Amino acid sequence: MTKEEQQLEKRFLELGETAWRKGIAVYSDFLNLNELNIFQETRPKLSYIVTESFGGYELAERQIAVFRPEAPLFCTDYPICCLKIAPLQEKFAEHLTHRDYLGAVLNLGLDRSCLGDILVEETESYLFCLKRMASFICDNLTRVRHTSVSVSPVEAENFHYEPKYKEVTGTVASARLDRLLSLAFGASRSSLTGLIEGGRVFVNGKLVTSNGYQPREGDLISVRGMGRFRFQGSGGQSKKGREYVTLLRYV
């Protein structure tokens, strides 16, 4: 691991020790895929406590690490808040992207570690953040690009998210990771090799650096900066002996 990754592992161990010593739940800030991978690799060293990760909803990519002295009896109140960002006047609203929303929030002076996923819908978006930052964002985020917006908290029981995905089908010589990435993102294998070897590809949250890795049916594959897809599996062969595969690419 790099020096920064070693420091992060040390930080996880310190948080675990604090949870055990004080008998309370302790939480990290939001972690990216690489940081979550380090957390997963550190968990065996924290077997004396309960550890998990959560990002506010089931398919969250950015998540916080959780350290508990014991398993909770009931659903735990995580220090995460969901905020709805909506235009004040929908008919004058621009078409806003994930990058637009993220830029507007970061321009408030916040660190990325305070923010989780941003889910962009047709005319509004949902931002997950640390609870301690929710009021600040609600009070200060008034514009995204040229669109005036309002920001309001959404109770967990009122938040319902149905992921949107595009089915991608095709044939591959074999269901290797590099070939599935090529099919999913419509790019050449050679252009994607550097992503895998460069530590930007994760399978079910675990870093994979081998181009020849063979995902299993149902695996969630994430590529930092590009998106993610689920490998639905393969079925049958073409006349040329290639495998038919189906992917669900999240959009």
Protein backbone atom coordinates (compact mmCIF):
# COMPACT_ATOMS: atom_id res chain seq x y z
CA MET A 1 0.00 0.00 0.00
CA THR A 2 1.02 3.60 -0.49
CA LYS A 3 1.78 5.81 2.49
CA GLU A 4 -1.66 7.41 2.22
CA GLU A 5 -3.34 3.98 2.14
CA GLN A 6 -1.35 2.85 5.18
CA GLN A 7 -2.48 5.97 7.02
CA LEU A 8 -6.09 5.23 6.10
CA GLU A 9 -5.80 1.67 7.39
CA LYS A 10 -4.34 3.04 10.62
CA ARG A 11 -7.28 5.42 10.87
CA PHE A 12 -9.77 2.55 10.51
CA LEU A 13 -7.99 0.63 13.28
CA GLU A 14 -8.13 3.70 15.52
CA LEU A 15 -11.87 4.13 14.89
CA GLY A 16 -12.43 0.48 15.71
CA GLU A 17 -10.46 0.80 18.93
CA THR A 18 -12.48 3.87 19.91
CA ALA A 19 -15.76 2.04 19.30
CA TRP A 20 -14.60 -0.89 21.45
CA ARG A 21 -13.12 1.20 24.26
CA LYS A 22 -16.06 3.59 24.59
CA GLY A 23 -18.80 1.10 23.77
CA ILE A 24 -20.35 3.33 21.11
CA ALA A 25 -20.88 3.31 17.36
CA VAL A 26 -18.22 5.27 15.46
CA TYR A 27 -18.39 6.36 11.82
CA SER A 28 -15.98 7.50 9.14
CA ASP A 29 -16.70 10.15 6.52
CA PHE A 30 -17.77 9.04 3.04
CA LEU A 31 -15.28 6.79 1.28
CA ASN A 32 -14.67 6.27 -2.44
CA LEU A 33 -14.30 2.83 -4.01
CA ASN A 34 -10.58 2.57 -3.38
CA GLU A 35 -10.96 3.65 0.25
CA LEU A 36 -13.82 1.19 0.73
CA ASN A 37 -11.61 -1.55 -0.66
CA ILE A 38 -8.96 -0.74 1.98
CA PHE A 39 -11.68 -0.80 4.63
CA GLN A 40 -12.78 -4.27 3.48
CA GLU A 41 -9.18 -5.51 3.66
CA THR A 42 -8.83 -4.04 7.17
CA ARG A 43 -11.99 -5.64 8.57
CA PRO A 44 -10.33 -8.99 9.50
CA LYS A 45 -8.07 -7.02 11.88
CA LEU A 46 -11.21 -5.67 13.56
CA SER A 47 -12.90 -9.01 14.20
CA TYR A 48 -13.47 -8.09 17.87
CA ILE A 49 -16.16 -5.56 16.85
CA VAL A 50 -18.94 -5.30 14.27
CA THR A 51 -17.98 -3.48 11.06
CA GLU A 52 -20.07 -2.58 8.03
CA SER A 53 -20.49 0.12 5.42
CA PHE A 54 -23.53 2.06 4.24
CA GLY A 55 -24.22 4.95 1.88
CA GLY A 56 -27.86 5.86 2.47
CA TYR A 57 -29.45 3.39 0.05
CA GLU A 58 -28.83 -0.15 -1.14
CA LEU A 59 -26.71 0.47 -4.26
CA ALA A 60 -24.69 3.41 -2.94
CA GLU A 61 -21.19 3.68 -4.39
CA ARG A 62 -19.81 6.12 -1.83
CA GLN A 63 -20.33 4.83 1.71
CA ILE A 64 -19.29 5.46 5.30
CA ALA A 65 -17.50 2.84 7.39
CA VAL A 66 -19.28 1.82 10.58
CA PHE A 67 -17.66 0.42 13.75
CA ARG A 68 -19.83 -0.98 16.56
CA PRO A 69 -19.06 -2.82 19.81
CA GLU A 70 -22.02 -5.13 19.11
CA ALA A 71 -24.68 -5.77 16.47
CA PRO A 72 -27.75 -3.47 16.80
CA LEU A 73 -31.11 -5.01 17.64
CA PHE A 74 -32.95 -2.63 15.35
CA CYS A 75 -32.29 -0.53 12.25
CA THR A 76 -29.58 1.95 13.13
CA ASP A 77 -29.81 5.69 12.65
CA TYR A 78 -26.78 6.34 10.45
CA PRO A 79 -25.31 9.89 10.38
CA ILE A 80 -26.41 10.31 6.75
CA CYS A 81 -29.01 12.72 5.39
CA CYS A 82 -30.72 12.67 2.01
CA LEU A 83 -31.39 16.09 0.46
CA LYS A 84 -33.72 16.81 -2.44
CA ILE A 85 -32.50 19.52 -4.82
CA ALA A 86 -35.25 20.91 -7.03
CA PRO A 87 -35.59 23.97 -9.30
CA LEU A 88 -37.64 26.84 -7.95
CA GLN A 89 -39.27 27.24 -11.37
CA GLU A 90 -39.24 24.00 -13.31
CA LYS A 91 -40.13 25.56 -16.66
CA PHE A 92 -36.98 27.72 -16.56
CA ALA A 93 -34.67 24.98 -15.29
CA GLU A 94 -31.62 23.87 -17.26
CA HIS A 95 -30.73 20.27 -17.98
CA LEU A 96 -28.35 19.62 -15.09
CA THR A 97 -25.84 16.79 -14.82
CA HIS A 98 -24.14 15.00 -11.93
CA ARG A 99 -21.09 17.20 -12.54
CA ASP A 100 -23.20 20.36 -12.28
CA TYR A 101 -24.68 19.36 -8.91
CA LEU A 102 -21.35 18.19 -7.49
CA GLY A 103 -19.57 21.35 -8.61
CA ALA A 104 -22.22 23.58 -7.06
CA VAL A 105 -21.97 21.82 -3.69
CA LEU A 106 -18.17 21.76 -3.66
CA ASN A 107 -18.16 25.48 -4.48
CA LEU A 108 -19.70 26.01 -1.04
CA GLY A 109 -16.32 25.03 0.36
CA LEU A 110 -17.21 21.49 1.39
CA ASP A 111 -14.82 18.56 1.21
CA ARG A 112 -15.79 15.61 -1.01
CA SER A 113 -15.63 13.30 2.02
CA CYS A 114 -18.74 15.02 3.41
CA LEU A 115 -20.75 13.98 0.37
CA GLY A 116 -22.10 10.63 -0.76
CA ASP A 117 -23.81 9.74 -4.02
CA ILE A 118 -25.79 12.19 -6.13
CA LEU A 119 -28.76 10.64 -7.93
CA VAL A 120 -29.91 12.75 -10.87
CA GLU A 121 -33.53 12.48 -11.99
CA GLU A 122 -35.33 14.32 -14.80
CA THR A 123 -35.91 17.64 -13.04
CA GLU A 124 -34.41 17.11 -9.60
CA SER A 125 -31.65 15.27 -7.79
CA TYR A 126 -30.99 13.61 -4.46
CA LEU A 127 -27.77 14.26 -2.57
CA PHE A 128 -26.53 12.13 0.32
CA CYS A 129 -24.36 13.93 2.85
CA LEU A 130 -23.21 13.72 6.45
CA LYS A 131 -25.98 14.89 8.77
CA ARG A 132 -23.77 17.55 10.30
CA MET A 133 -23.55 19.30 6.91
CA ALA A 134 -27.23 19.06 5.92
CA SER A 135 -28.40 22.37 7.38
CA PHE A 136 -25.45 24.23 5.86
CA ILE A 137 -26.21 22.85 2.39
CA CYS A 138 -29.93 23.59 2.72
CA ASP A 139 -29.21 27.19 3.71
CA ASN A 140 -26.45 27.94 1.22
CA LEU A 141 -27.09 25.96 -1.96
CA THR A 142 -29.38 28.29 -3.91
CA ARG A 143 -28.15 27.89 -7.48
CA VAL A 144 -26.84 25.12 -9.73
CA ARG A 145 -25.31 26.69 -12.83
CA HIS A 146 -27.93 29.31 -13.78
CA THR A 147 -30.87 27.49 -12.18
CA SER A 148 -32.24 28.68 -8.84
CA VAL A 149 -32.93 25.69 -6.57
CA SER A 150 -34.41 24.77 -3.23
CA VAL A 151 -32.91 22.12 -0.97
CA SER A 152 -34.88 20.13 1.60
CA PRO A 153 -34.26 16.99 3.70
CA VAL A 154 -36.01 13.76 2.77
CA GLU A 155 -36.93 11.28 5.49
CA ALA A 156 -35.49 7.82 4.92
CA GLU A 157 -38.93 6.19 4.85
CA ASN A 158 -40.01 8.61 2.11
CA PHE A 159 -37.04 7.97 -0.16
CA HIS A 160 -37.62 5.38 -2.87
CA TYR A 161 -35.08 4.80 -5.59
CA GLU A 162 -35.43 2.56 -8.60
CA PRO A 163 -32.12 2.37 -10.46
CA LYS A 164 -32.23 2.95 -14.20
CA TYR A 165 -30.22 0.66 -16.39
CA LYS A 166 -29.68 -0.24 -20.01
CA GLU A 167 -29.48 -3.87 -21.04
CA VAL A 168 -26.37 -4.61 -23.08
CA THR A 169 -26.04 -7.91 -24.92
CA GLY A 170 -23.33 -9.26 -27.17
CA THR A 171 -20.78 -11.99 -27.67
CA VAL A 172 -17.30 -12.31 -26.18
CA ALA A 173 -14.53 -14.84 -26.67
CA SER A 174 -14.77 -15.53 -22.93
CA ALA A 175 -16.36 -13.78 -19.96
CA ARG A 176 -13.14 -12.14 -18.80
CA LEU A 177 -13.21 -8.81 -17.03
CA ASP A 178 -11.51 -6.88 -19.83
CA ARG A 179 -13.90 -8.25 -22.44
CA LEU A 180 -16.97 -7.45 -20.34
CA LEU A 181 -15.73 -3.89 -19.83
CA SER A 182 -15.21 -3.53 -23.57
CA LEU A 183 -18.78 -4.62 -24.25
CA ALA A 184 -20.28 -2.51 -21.45
CA PHE A 185 -18.59 0.76 -22.38
CA GLY A 186 -18.20 0.27 -26.13
CA ALA A 187 -14.43 0.71 -26.01
CA SER A 188 -11.49 -1.38 -27.16
CA ARG A 189 -9.91 -3.82 -24.72
CA SER A 190 -6.53 -2.14 -25.14
CA SER A 191 -7.94 1.22 -24.03
CA LEU A 192 -9.43 -0.37 -20.89
CA THR A 193 -6.43 -2.44 -19.83
CA GLY A 194 -4.86 0.56 -18.14
CA LEU A 195 -7.99 1.09 -16.05
CA ILE A 196 -7.82 -2.43 -14.65
CA GLU A 197 -4.08 -2.44 -14.04
CA GLY A 198 -4.28 1.12 -12.71
CA GLY A 199 -6.58 0.15 -9.85
CA ARG A 200 -9.80 1.74 -11.09
CA VAL A 201 -11.96 -1.39 -11.45
CA PHE A 202 -13.83 -3.01 -8.58
CA VAL A 203 -15.96 -6.16 -8.45
CA ASN A 204 -18.50 -6.15 -5.62
CA GLY A 205 -16.43 -3.43 -3.97
CA LYS A 206 -13.14 -5.36 -4.15
CA LEU A 207 -10.26 -4.06 -6.22
CA VAL A 208 -9.37 -6.31 -9.17
CA THR A 209 -6.20 -5.68 -11.18
CA SER A 210 -6.17 -8.78 -13.39
CA ASN A 211 -7.50 -8.42 -16.94
CA GLY A 212 -8.23 -12.15 -17.02
CA TYR A 213 -10.40 -12.14 -13.90
CA GLN A 214 -13.71 -13.89 -14.60
CA PRO A 215 -16.72 -12.31 -12.84
CA ARG A 216 -19.55 -14.49 -11.63
CA GLU A 217 -23.21 -14.11 -12.50
CA GLY A 218 -24.71 -11.24 -10.51
CA ASP A 219 -21.40 -9.46 -9.82
CA LEU A 220 -21.48 -5.66 -9.71
CA ILE A 221 -18.56 -4.16 -11.61
CA SER A 222 -17.63 -0.51 -10.99
CA VAL A 223 -15.12 1.59 -12.90
CA ARG A 224 -14.07 4.85 -11.27
CA GLY A 225 -14.95 7.75 -13.54
CA MET A 226 -16.95 5.65 -16.01
CA GLY A 227 -19.86 3.97 -14.24
CA ARG A 228 -20.91 0.48 -13.30
CA PHE A 229 -22.79 -2.53 -14.57
CA ARG A 230 -23.99 -5.90 -13.38
CA PHE A 231 -22.95 -9.12 -15.10
CA GLN A 232 -26.20 -11.00 -15.62
CA GLY A 233 -24.44 -14.09 -16.94
CA SER A 234 -23.79 -15.95 -20.15
CA GLY A 235 -25.99 -18.31 -22.12
CA GLY A 236 -25.11 -20.35 -25.16
CA GLN A 237 -22.53 -19.90 -27.87
CA SER A 238 -22.52 -18.42 -31.35
CA LYS A 239 -21.60 -20.44 -34.43
CA LYS A 240 -18.06 -19.12 -34.03
CA GLY A 241 -17.85 -20.40 -30.47
CA ARG A 242 -18.24 -17.02 -28.75
CA GLU A 243 -20.28 -16.68 -25.55
CA TYR A 244 -23.51 -14.72 -25.46
CA VAL A 245 -23.52 -12.44 -22.38
CA THR A 246 -25.97 -9.99 -20.86
CA LEU A 247 -25.04 -6.92 -18.84
CA LEU A 248 -27.13 -4.31 -17.05
CA ARG A 249 -25.38 -0.95 -17.28
CA TYR A 250 -26.60 1.63 -14.79
CA VAL A 251 -27.43 5.03 -16.28
